[in-house]
């Protein structure tokens, strides 16, 4: 067990043995944390498509549509056969009022979004 201290709160956690459980725990923590706690974490090392998808869902629930869109695209890069993620992406891009990008989703090609999102590394 390891304790993480933040300026206004602390919590104790342990890393679960299952990636699925970790993914669910990550989504729950992101949804329940304040924005300042949210941005203090670095999720750039996640290499698990479902974890990145859950991150995107949590970001979308917090109305961070730009971040959610990036997460969905990263998840699609890692798991191109997960075509259901395109639906999440459409909703998120609609929240950004980027209807031009919504049109691009019809082609189901992540490479079409590289010029629109600078941070699409995995």
Protein backbone atom coordinates (compact mmCIF):
# COMPACT_ATOMS: atom_id res chain seq x y z
CA UNK A 1 0.00 0.00 0.00
CA UNK A 2 1.09 3.49 -0.77
CA UNK A 3 -0.43 6.77 0.31
CA UNK A 4 -0.70 9.65 -2.13
CA UNK A 5 -0.97 13.08 -0.57
CA UNK A 6 -2.52 16.00 -2.38
CA UNK A 7 -3.02 19.49 -1.06
CA UNK A 8 -6.65 18.95 -0.04
CA UNK A 9 -7.00 15.19 0.33
CA UNK A 10 -5.21 11.91 0.51
CA UNK A 11 -6.22 8.39 -0.20
CA UNK A 12 -4.69 4.99 0.15
CA UNK A 13 -4.65 2.59 -2.75
CA UNK A 14 -3.05 -0.60 -3.88
CA UNK A 15 -2.55 -1.77 -7.42
CA UNK A 16 -5.05 -4.49 -8.34
CA UNK A 17 -3.78 -7.65 -9.98
CA UNK A 18 -6.32 -7.53 -12.81
CA UNK A 19 -6.03 -5.01 -15.66
CA UNK A 20 -9.82 -4.93 -15.94
CA UNK A 21 -10.17 -4.06 -12.27
CA UNK A 22 -7.41 -1.46 -12.61
CA UNK A 23 -9.21 0.05 -15.60
CA UNK A 24 -12.47 0.31 -13.66
CA UNK A 25 -10.70 1.74 -10.62
CA UNK A 26 -8.96 4.33 -12.80
CA UNK A 27 -12.26 5.41 -14.38
CA UNK A 28 -13.89 5.72 -10.94
CA UNK A 29 -11.03 7.75 -9.48
CA UNK A 30 -10.93 10.14 -12.41
CA UNK A 31 -14.69 10.67 -12.28
CA UNK A 32 -14.63 11.38 -8.56
CA UNK A 33 -11.58 13.63 -8.38
CA UNK A 34 -11.63 17.37 -8.78
CA UNK A 35 -10.13 18.93 -11.89
CA UNK A 36 -6.93 19.92 -10.09
CA UNK A 37 -6.36 16.38 -8.88
CA UNK A 38 -7.19 15.12 -12.36
CA UNK A 39 -4.55 17.18 -14.12
CA UNK A 40 -1.90 16.35 -11.52
CA UNK A 41 -1.83 12.71 -12.67
CA UNK A 42 0.13 11.62 -15.72
CA UNK A 43 -1.63 8.99 -17.82
CA UNK A 44 0.80 9.07 -20.72
CA UNK A 45 2.21 5.66 -19.79
CA UNK A 46 -1.06 3.75 -20.14
CA UNK A 47 -0.64 1.17 -22.89
CA UNK A 48 -3.92 -0.64 -22.33
CA UNK A 49 -6.72 0.19 -24.80
CA UNK A 50 -9.58 -0.42 -22.36
CA UNK A 51 -7.90 1.74 -19.71
CA UNK A 52 -7.51 4.60 -22.18
CA UNK A 53 -11.14 4.13 -23.28
CA UNK A 54 -12.32 4.36 -19.66
CA UNK A 55 -10.15 7.43 -19.20
CA UNK A 56 -11.89 8.99 -22.22
CA UNK A 57 -15.33 8.15 -20.85
CA UNK A 58 -14.45 9.80 -17.54
CA UNK A 59 -13.05 12.86 -19.31
CA UNK A 60 -16.22 13.11 -21.39
CA UNK A 61 -18.37 12.81 -18.25
CA UNK A 62 -16.46 15.81 -16.89
CA UNK A 63 -17.07 17.70 -20.19
CA UNK A 64 -13.38 17.57 -21.18
CA UNK A 65 -14.35 16.63 -24.73
CA UNK A 66 -11.00 17.51 -26.27
CA UNK A 67 -9.12 15.24 -23.87
CA UNK A 68 -11.75 12.53 -24.26
CA UNK A 69 -11.41 12.64 -28.04
CA UNK A 70 -7.66 12.22 -27.77
CA UNK A 71 -8.13 9.27 -25.41
CA UNK A 72 -10.60 7.61 -27.77
CA UNK A 73 -8.23 8.04 -30.70
CA UNK A 74 -5.32 6.63 -28.68
CA UNK A 75 -7.48 3.67 -27.73
CA UNK A 76 -8.34 3.13 -31.40
CA UNK A 77 -4.64 3.20 -32.29
CA UNK A 78 -4.02 0.41 -29.77
CA UNK A 79 -7.15 -1.54 -30.68
CA UNK A 80 -8.34 -0.75 -34.23
CA UNK A 81 -10.88 -3.59 -34.18
CA UNK A 82 -12.83 -1.94 -31.33
CA UNK A 83 -15.22 -0.17 -33.69
CA UNK A 84 -17.62 0.80 -30.89
CA UNK A 85 -15.09 3.44 -29.79
CA UNK A 86 -15.95 5.47 -32.90
CA UNK A 87 -19.40 6.10 -31.37
CA UNK A 88 -17.82 7.53 -28.21
CA UNK A 89 -15.57 9.68 -30.38
CA UNK A 90 -18.53 11.04 -32.38
CA UNK A 91 -20.32 12.11 -29.20
CA UNK A 92 -17.19 13.76 -27.83
CA UNK A 93 -16.46 15.62 -31.06
CA UNK A 94 -20.09 16.76 -31.10
CA UNK A 95 -19.58 18.14 -27.58
CA UNK A 96 -16.65 20.12 -28.97
CA UNK A 97 -18.95 21.35 -31.76
CA UNK A 98 -16.43 20.02 -34.29
CA UNK A 99 -18.88 18.71 -36.86
CA UNK A 100 -16.12 18.65 -39.47
CA UNK A 101 -14.34 16.04 -37.36
CA UNK A 102 -17.57 14.11 -36.78
CA UNK A 103 -17.75 13.71 -40.56
CA UNK A 104 -14.24 12.21 -40.58
CA UNK A 105 -15.34 9.43 -38.22
CA UNK A 106 -17.42 7.93 -41.05
CA UNK A 107 -14.17 6.71 -42.61
CA UNK A 108 -13.01 4.95 -39.40
CA UNK A 109 -9.41 6.00 -40.05
CA UNK A 110 -7.43 7.33 -37.09
CA UNK A 111 -4.78 8.81 -39.36
CA UNK A 112 -7.28 11.40 -40.58
CA UNK A 113 -7.14 12.98 -37.10
CA UNK A 114 -3.36 13.34 -36.77
CA UNK A 115 -3.42 16.90 -38.11
CA UNK A 116 -6.24 17.89 -35.73
CA UNK A 117 -4.76 16.48 -32.51
CA UNK A 118 -1.10 17.07 -31.76
CA UNK A 119 -0.91 14.69 -28.81
CA UNK A 120 -1.75 11.33 -30.40
CA UNK A 121 1.25 9.33 -29.24
CA UNK A 122 0.91 6.00 -27.49
